[in-house]
Amino acid sequence: MTPPGANSRKRSVLIAGHHTSVSLEDDFWAALKEIAEARGVSLNRLIAEIDRERGGNLSSAIRIFVLHNLKEARRAGGK
């Protein structure tokens, strides 16, 4: 049985004027969307920012970004 949110979805995003496909699990897409909304930027813009900073695979870089964002939020909240 697949855990909730573990289904991977491929989506097309626009980075520097080029479309590329990114495959992430539903939970990561949802978290990334929340982060983008909290920062007041589009999902494409946030992904483009992550893309500029990455050293490897874009999907992996996004997962790491979401994880670091979660850790920072917990630290800021005192948890």
PDB file of N, CA and C in Angstrom:
ATOM      1  N   MET A   1       0.840  -1.187   0.000  1.00  0.00           N
ATOM      2  CA  MET A   1       0.000   0.000   0.000  1.00  0.00           C
ATOM      3  C   MET A   1       0.885   1.250   0.000  1.00  0.00           C
ATOM      4  N   THR A   2       0.512   2.198  -0.837  1.00  0.00           N
ATOM      5  CA  THR A   2       1.266   3.446  -0.954  1.00  0.00           C
ATOM      6  C   THR A   2       0.800   4.432   0.109  1.00  0.00           C
ATOM      7  N   PRO A   3       1.731   5.023   0.861  1.00  0.00           N
ATOM      8  CA  PRO A   3       1.343   6.017   1.867  1.00  0.00           C
ATOM      9  C   PRO A   3       0.674   7.223   1.221  1.00  0.00           C
ATOM     10  N   PRO A   4      -0.238   7.889   1.935  1.00  0.00           N
ATOM     11  CA  PRO A   4      -0.871   9.094   1.399  1.00  0.00           C
ATOM     12  C   PRO A   4       0.182  10.120   1.007  1.00  0.00           C
ATOM     13  N   GLY A   5      -0.010  10.755  -0.150  1.00  0.00           N
ATOM     14  CA  GLY A   5       0.906  11.796  -0.596  1.00  0.00           C
ATOM     15  C   GLY A   5       2.154  11.282  -1.273  1.00  0.00           C
ATOM     16  N   ALA A   6       2.308   9.951  -1.379  1.00  0.00           N
ATOM     17  CA  ALA A   6       3.525   9.391  -1.956  1.00  0.00           C
ATOM     18  C   ALA A   6       3.435   9.203  -3.472  1.00  0.00           C
ATOM     19  N   ASN A   7       2.280   9.455  -4.055  1.00  0.00           N
ATOM     20  CA  ASN A   7       2.154   9.345  -5.507  1.00  0.00           C
ATOM     21  C   ASN A   7       2.956  10.452  -6.174  1.00  0.00           C
ATOM     22  N   SER A   8       3.798  10.049  -7.099  1.00  0.00           N
ATOM     23  CA  SER A   8       4.630  11.013  -7.802  1.00  0.00           C
ATOM     24  C   SER A   8       3.870  11.595  -8.982  1.00  0.00           C
ATOM     25  N   ARG A   9       3.990  12.919  -9.156  1.00  0.00           N
ATOM     26  CA  ARG A   9       3.344  13.596 -10.274  1.00  0.00           C
ATOM     27  C   ARG A   9       4.390  14.403 -11.028  1.00  0.00           C
ATOM     28  N   LYS A  10       4.317  14.305 -12.341  1.00  0.00           N
ATOM     29  CA  LYS A  10       5.214  15.068 -13.193  1.00  0.00           C
ATOM     30  C   LYS A  10       4.462  16.308 -13.657  1.00  0.00           C
ATOM     31  N   ARG A  11       5.093  17.456 -13.507  1.00  0.00           N
ATOM     32  CA  ARG A  11       4.483  18.716 -13.934  1.00  0.00           C
ATOM     33  C   ARG A  11       5.477  19.494 -14.765  1.00  0.00           C
ATOM     34  N   SER A  12       4.953  20.263 -15.690  1.00  0.00           N
ATOM     35  CA  SER A  12       5.787  21.112 -16.519  1.00  0.00           C
ATOM     36  C   SER A  12       5.915  22.469 -15.843  1.00  0.00           C
ATOM     37  N   VAL A  13       7.148  22.949 -15.730  1.00  0.00           N
ATOM     38  CA  VAL A  13       7.407  24.267 -15.146  1.00  0.00           C
ATOM     39  C   VAL A  13       8.252  25.076 -16.120  1.00  0.00           C
ATOM     40  N   LEU A  14       8.178  26.377 -15.984  1.00  0.00           N
ATOM     41  CA  LEU A  14       8.922  27.281 -16.847  1.00  0.00           C
ATOM     42  C   LEU A  14      10.106  27.846 -16.072  1.00  0.00           C
ATOM     43  N   ILE A  15      11.314  27.563 -16.555  1.00  0.00           N
ATOM     44  CA  ILE A  15      12.534  28.044 -15.919  1.00  0.00           C
ATOM     45  C   ILE A  15      13.359  28.763 -16.980  1.00  0.00           C
ATOM     46  N   ALA A  16      13.604  30.037 -16.754  1.00  0.00           N
ATOM     47  CA  ALA A  16      14.406  30.850 -17.679  1.00  0.00           C
ATOM     48  C   ALA A  16      13.889  30.740 -19.112  1.00  0.00           C
ATOM     49  N   GLY A  17      12.571  30.762 -19.249  1.00  0.00           N
ATOM     50  CA  GLY A  17      11.957  30.736 -20.568  1.00  0.00           C
ATOM     51  C   GLY A  17      11.868  29.362 -21.211  1.00  0.00           C
ATOM     52  N   HIS A  18      12.261  28.315 -20.492  1.00  0.00           N
ATOM     53  CA  HIS A  18      12.232  26.960 -21.034  1.00  0.00           C
ATOM     54  C   HIS A  18      11.345  26.074 -20.176  1.00  0.00           C
ATOM     55  N   HIS A  19      10.519  25.265 -20.836  1.00  0.00           N
ATOM     56  CA  HIS A  19       9.689  24.302 -20.107  1.00  0.00           C
ATOM     57  C   HIS A  19      10.522  23.080 -19.771  1.00  0.00           C
ATOM     58  N   THR A  20      10.358  22.595 -18.558  1.00  0.00           N
ATOM     59  CA  THR A  20      11.005  21.363 -18.139  1.00  0.00           C
ATOM     60  C   THR A  20      10.029  20.602 -17.252  1.00  0.00           C
ATOM     61  N   SER A  21      10.166  19.309 -17.197  1.00  0.00           N
ATOM     62  CA  SER A  21       9.290  18.480 -16.371  1.00  0.00           C
ATOM     63  C   SER A  21       9.972  18.185 -15.046  1.00  0.00           C
ATOM     64  N   VAL A  22       9.180  18.262 -13.993  1.00  0.00           N
ATOM     65  CA  VAL A  22       9.674  17.958 -12.649  1.00  0.00           C
ATOM     66  C   VAL A  22       8.740  16.931 -12.041  1.00  0.00           C
ATOM     67  N   SER A  23       9.299  15.870 -11.518  1.00  0.00           N
ATOM     68  CA  SER A  23       8.519  14.812 -10.897  1.00  0.00           C
ATOM     69  C   SER A  23       8.732  14.854  -9.386  1.00  0.00           C
ATOM     70  N   LEU A  24       7.635  15.076  -8.655  1.00  0.00           N
ATOM     71  CA  LEU A  24       7.663  15.125  -7.188  1.00  0.00           C
ATOM     72  C   LEU A  24       6.425  14.434  -6.635  1.00  0.00           C
ATOM     73  N   GLU A  25       6.528  13.981  -5.416  1.00  0.00           N
ATOM     74  CA  GLU A  25       5.385  13.421  -4.719  1.00  0.00           C
ATOM     75  C   GLU A  25       4.394  14.533  -4.374  1.00  0.00           C
ATOM     76  N   ASP A  26       3.116  14.158  -4.245  1.00  0.00           N
ATOM     77  CA  ASP A  26       2.051  15.135  -3.968  1.00  0.00           C
ATOM     78  C   ASP A  26       2.358  16.017  -2.759  1.00  0.00           C
ATOM     79  N   ASP A  27       2.879  15.421  -1.700  1.00  0.00           N
ATOM     80  CA  ASP A  27       3.164  16.196  -0.484  1.00  0.00           C
ATOM     81  C   ASP A  27       4.218  17.273  -0.733  1.00  0.00           C
ATOM     82  N   PHE A  28       5.205  16.976  -1.561  1.00  0.00           N
ATOM     83  CA  PHE A  28       6.220  17.982  -1.878  1.00  0.00           C
ATOM     84  C   PHE A  28       5.645  19.094  -2.745  1.00  0.00           C
ATOM     85  N   TRP A  29       4.779  18.733  -3.708  1.00  0.00           N
ATOM     86  CA  TRP A  29       4.128  19.787  -4.511  1.00  0.00           C
ATOM     87  C   TRP A  29       3.310  20.702  -3.610  1.00  0.00           C
ATOM     88  N   ALA A  30       2.550  20.111  -2.679  1.00  0.00           N
ATOM     89  CA  ALA A  30       1.711  20.906  -1.776  1.00  0.00           C
ATOM     90  C   ALA A  30       2.565  21.821  -0.895  1.00  0.00           C
ATOM     91  N   ALA A  31       3.652  21.277  -0.333  1.00  0.00           N
ATOM     92  CA  ALA A  31       4.520  22.084   0.532  1.00  0.00           C
ATOM     93  C   ALA A  31       5.192  23.194  -0.263  1.00  0.00           C
ATOM     94  N   LEU A  32       5.630  22.886  -1.472  1.00  0.00           N
ATOM     95  CA  LEU A  32       6.280  23.891  -2.308  1.00  0.00           C
ATOM     96  C   LEU A  32       5.314  25.022  -2.645  1.00  0.00           C
ATOM     97  N   LYS A  33       4.064  24.669  -2.930  1.00  0.00           N
ATOM     98  CA  LYS A  33       3.042  25.678  -3.225  1.00  0.00           C
ATOM     99  C   LYS A  33       2.814  26.572  -2.000  1.00  0.00           C
ATOM    100  N   GLU A  34       2.756  25.981  -0.809  1.00  0.00           N
ATOM    101  CA  GLU A  34       2.576  26.761   0.423  1.00  0.00           C
ATOM    102  C   GLU A  34       3.740  27.724   0.633  1.00  0.00           C
ATOM    103  N   ILE A  35       4.951  27.261   0.394  1.00  0.00           N
ATOM    104  CA  ILE A  35       6.132  28.109   0.562  1.00  0.00           C
ATOM    105  C   ILE A  35       6.084  29.271  -0.415  1.00  0.00           C
ATOM    106  N   ALA A  36       5.739  28.981  -1.666  1.00  0.00           N
ATOM    107  CA  ALA A  36       5.646  30.036  -2.682  1.00  0.00           C
ATOM    108  C   ALA A  36       4.598  31.074  -2.286  1.00  0.00           C
ATOM    109  N   GLU A  37       3.435  30.613  -1.836  1.00  0.00           N
ATOM    110  CA  GLU A  37       2.377  31.542  -1.419  1.00  0.00           C
ATOM    111  C   GLU A  37       2.818  32.389  -0.235  1.00  0.00           C
ATOM    112  N   ALA A  38       3.499  31.771   0.724  1.00  0.00           N
ATOM    113  CA  ALA A  38       3.972  32.506   1.907  1.00  0.00           C
ATOM    114  C   ALA A  38       4.997  33.565   1.525  1.00  0.00           C
ATOM    115  N   ARG A  39       5.770  33.314   0.491  1.00  0.00           N
ATOM    116  CA  ARG A  39       6.786  34.267   0.031  1.00  0.00           C
ATOM    117  C   ARG A  39       6.236  35.261  -0.983  1.00  0.00           C
ATOM    118  N   GLY A  40       5.002  35.035  -1.420  1.00  0.00           N
ATOM    119  CA  GLY A  40       4.387  35.936  -2.383  1.00  0.00           C
ATOM    120  C   GLY A  40       4.972  35.837  -3.779  1.00  0.00           C
ATOM    121  N   VAL A  41       5.413  34.628  -4.145  1.00  0.00           N
ATOM    122  CA  VAL A  41       5.966  34.410  -5.479  1.00  0.00           C
ATOM    123  C   VAL A  41       5.224  33.247  -6.146  1.00  0.00           C
ATOM    124  N   SER A  42       5.351  33.182  -7.458  1.00  0.00           N
ATOM    125  CA  SER A  42       4.726  32.074  -8.179  1.00  0.00           C
ATOM    126  C   SER A  42       5.533  30.798  -7.959  1.00  0.00           C
ATOM    127  N   LEU A  43       4.889  29.686  -8.192  1.00  0.00           N
ATOM    128  CA  LEU A  43       5.558  28.398  -8.080  1.00  0.00           C
ATOM    129  C   LEU A  43       6.721  28.318  -9.070  1.00  0.00           C
ATOM    130  N   ASN A  44       6.498  28.780 -10.296  1.00  0.00           N
ATOM    131  CA  ASN A  44       7.571  28.777 -11.295  1.00  0.00           C
ATOM    132  C   ASN A  44       8.762  29.610 -10.842  1.00  0.00           C
ATOM    133  N   ARG A  45       8.500  30.768 -10.250  1.00  0.00           N
ATOM    134  CA  ARG A  45       9.601  31.627  -9.800  1.00  0.00           C
ATOM    135  C   ARG A  45      10.383  30.962  -8.671  1.00  0.00           C
ATOM    136  N   LEU A  46       9.682  30.352  -7.723  1.00  0.00           N
ATOM    137  CA  LEU A  46      10.369  29.673  -6.626  1.00  0.00           C
ATOM    138  C   LEU A  46      11.216  28.521  -7.159  1.00  0.00           C
ATOM    139  N   ILE A  47      10.673  27.746  -8.087  1.00  0.00           N
ATOM    140  CA  ILE A  47      11.432  26.635  -8.672  1.00  0.00           C
ATOM    141  C   ILE A  47      12.641  27.168  -9.430  1.00  0.00           C
ATOM    142  N   ALA A  48      12.493  28.279 -10.123  1.00  0.00           N
ATOM    143  CA  ALA A  48      13.621  28.883 -10.837  1.00  0.00           C
ATOM    144  C   ALA A  48      14.717  29.298  -9.855  1.00  0.00           C
ATOM    145  N   GLU A  49      14.326  29.831  -8.690  1.00  0.00           N
ATOM    146  CA  GLU A  49      15.309  30.208  -7.671  1.00  0.00           C
ATOM    147  C   GLU A  49      16.051  28.975  -7.154  1.00  0.00           C
ATOM    148  N   ILE A  50      15.306  27.902  -6.914  1.00  0.00           N
ATOM    149  CA  ILE A  50      15.922  26.654  -6.454  1.00  0.00           C
ATOM    150  C   ILE A  50      16.865  26.126  -7.531  1.00  0.00           C
ATOM    151  N   ASP A  51      16.437  26.216  -8.781  1.00  0.00           N
ATOM    152  CA  ASP A  51      17.243  25.737  -9.907  1.00  0.00           C
ATOM    153  C   ASP A  51      18.584  26.461  -9.986  1.00  0.00           C
ATOM    154  N   ARG A  52      18.584  27.765  -9.744  1.00  0.00           N
ATOM    155  CA  ARG A  52      19.825  28.550  -9.804  1.00  0.00           C
ATOM    156  C   ARG A  52      20.829  28.131  -8.732  1.00  0.00           C
ATOM    157  N   GLU A  53      20.324  27.636  -7.605  1.00  0.00           N
ATOM    158  CA  GLU A  53      21.192  27.293  -6.473  1.00  0.00           C
ATOM    159  C   GLU A  53      21.589  25.821  -6.425  1.00  0.00           C
ATOM    160  N   ARG A  54      20.983  25.002  -7.244  1.00  0.00           N
ATOM    161  CA  ARG A  54      21.178  23.550  -7.112  1.00  0.00           C
ATOM    162  C   ARG A  54      22.513  23.097  -7.671  1.00  0.00           C
ATOM    163  N   GLY A  55      22.932  21.922  -7.184  1.00  0.00           N
ATOM    164  CA  GLY A  55      24.145  21.329  -7.690  1.00  0.00           C
ATOM    165  C   GLY A  55      23.881  20.033  -8.424  1.00  0.00           C
ATOM    166  N   GLY A  56      22.695  19.457  -8.246  1.00  0.00           N
ATOM    167  CA  GLY A  56      22.386  18.164  -8.867  1.00  0.00           C
ATOM    168  C   GLY A  56      21.010  18.171  -9.492  1.00  0.00           C
ATOM    169  N   ASN A  57      20.318  17.086  -9.332  1.00  0.00           N
ATOM    170  CA  ASN A  57      18.988  16.865  -9.867  1.00  0.00           C
ATOM    171  C   ASN A  57      17.989  17.876  -9.319  1.00  0.00           C
ATOM    172  N   LEU A  58      17.147  18.448 -10.187  1.00  0.00           N
ATOM    173  CA  LEU A  58      16.195  19.474  -9.760  1.00  0.00           C
ATOM    174  C   LEU A  58      15.165  18.927  -8.779  1.00  0.00           C
ATOM    175  N   SER A  59      14.617  17.752  -9.046  1.00  0.00           N
ATOM    176  CA  SER A  59      13.624  17.178  -8.129  1.00  0.00           C
ATOM    177  C   SER A  59      14.214  16.979  -6.734  1.00  0.00           C
ATOM    178  N   SER A  60      15.429  16.480  -6.680  1.00  0.00           N
ATOM    179  CA  SER A  60      16.100  16.296  -5.383  1.00  0.00           C
ATOM    180  C   SER A  60      16.350  17.636  -4.706  1.00  0.00           C
ATOM    181  N   ALA A  61      16.771  18.631  -5.485  1.00  0.00           N
ATOM    182  CA  ALA A  61      17.027  19.960  -4.927  1.00  0.00           C
ATOM    183  C   ALA A  61      15.754  20.555  -4.333  1.00  0.00           C
ATOM    184  N   ILE A  62      14.623  20.323  -4.981  1.00  0.00           N
ATOM    185  CA  ILE A  62      13.353  20.833  -4.459  1.00  0.00           C
ATOM    186  C   ILE A  62      13.007  20.135  -3.151  1.00  0.00           C
ATOM    187  N   ARG A  63      13.183  18.820  -3.101  1.00  0.00           N
ATOM    188  CA  ARG A  63      12.891  18.087  -1.852  1.00  0.00           C
ATOM    189  C   ARG A  63      13.764  18.598  -0.703  1.00  0.00           C
ATOM    190  N   ILE A  64      15.045  18.801  -0.968  1.00  0.00           N
ATOM    191  CA  ILE A  64      15.966  19.313   0.059  1.00  0.00           C
ATOM    192  C   ILE A  64      15.546  20.717   0.484  1.00  0.00           C
ATOM    193  N   PHE A  65      15.159  21.555  -0.479  1.00  0.00           N
ATOM    194  CA  PHE A  65      14.691  22.913  -0.173  1.00  0.00           C
ATOM    195  C   PHE A  65      13.482  22.867   0.757  1.00  0.00           C
ATOM    196  N   VAL A  66      12.519  22.009   0.447  1.00  0.00           N
ATOM    197  CA  VAL A  66      11.314  21.888   1.278  1.00  0.00           C
ATOM    198  C   VAL A  66      11.694  21.412   2.679  1.00  0.00           C
ATOM    199  N   LEU A  67      12.580  20.424   2.765  1.00  0.00           N
ATOM    200  CA  LEU A  67      13.024  19.915   4.063  1.00  0.00           C
ATOM    201  C   LEU A  67      13.706  21.004   4.881  1.00  0.00           C
ATOM    202  N   HIS A  68      14.608  21.753   4.266  1.00  0.00           N
ATOM    203  CA  HIS A  68      15.305  22.841   4.982  1.00  0.00           C
ATOM    204  C   HIS A  68      14.319  23.916   5.419  1.00  0.00           C
ATOM    205  N   ASN A  69      13.343  24.218   4.573  1.00  0.00           N
ATOM    206  CA  ASN A  69      12.336  25.212   4.917  1.00  0.00           C
ATOM    207  C   ASN A  69      11.533  24.760   6.132  1.00  0.00           C
ATOM    208  N   LEU A  70      11.183  23.486   6.170  1.00  0.00           N
ATOM    209  CA  LEU A  70      10.445  22.930   7.306  1.00  0.00           C
ATOM    210  C   LEU A  70      11.277  23.008   8.587  1.00  0.00           C
ATOM    211  N   LYS A  71      12.555  22.660   8.490  1.00  0.00           N
ATOM    212  CA  LYS A  71      13.433  22.723   9.662  1.00  0.00           C
ATOM    213  C   LYS A  71      13.577  24.155  10.171  1.00  0.00           C
ATOM    214  N   GLU A  72      13.730  25.109   9.250  1.00  0.00           N
ATOM    215  CA  GLU A  72      13.838  26.520   9.650  1.00  0.00           C
ATOM    216  C   GLU A  72      12.561  27.000  10.327  1.00  0.00           C
ATOM    217  N   ALA A  73      11.429  26.591   9.801  1.00  0.00           N
ATOM    218  CA  ALA A  73      10.147  26.992  10.388  1.00  0.00           C
ATOM    219  C   ALA A  73       9.998  26.419  11.791  1.00  0.00           C
ATOM    220  N   ARG A  74      10.430  25.189  11.985  1.00  0.00           N
ATOM    221  CA  ARG A  74      10.354  24.571  13.321  1.00  0.00           C
ATOM    222  C   ARG A  74      11.281  25.275  14.292  1.00  0.00           C
ATOM    223  N   ARG A  75      12.496  25.618  13.840  1.00  0.00           N
ATOM    224  CA  ARG A  75      13.435  26.346  14.709  1.00  0.00           C
ATOM    225  C   ARG A  75      12.870  27.706  15.090  1.00  0.00           C
ATOM    226  N   ALA A  76      12.299  28.382  14.129  1.00  0.00           N
ATOM    227  CA  ALA A  76      11.740  29.708  14.387  1.00  0.00           C
ATOM    228  C   ALA A  76      10.549  29.642  15.337  1.00  0.00           C
ATOM    229  N   GLY A  77       9.843  28.513  15.293  1.00  0.00           N
ATOM    230  CA  GLY A  77       8.675  28.330  16.162  1.00  0.00           C
ATOM    231  C   GLY A  77       9.038  27.777  17.519  1.00  0.00           C
ATOM    232  N   GLY A  78      10.318  27.485  17.725  1.00  0.00           N
ATOM    233  CA  GLY A  78      10.750  26.982  19.033  1.00  0.00           C
ATOM    234  C   GLY A  78      10.520  25.500  19.235  1.00  0.00           C
ATOM    235  N   LYS A  79      10.259  24.772  18.139  1.00  0.00           N
ATOM    236  CA  LYS A  79      10.018  23.330  18.266  1.00  0.00           C
ATOM    237  C   LYS A  79      11.268  22.549  17.947  1.00  0.00           C
TER     238      LYS A  79
END
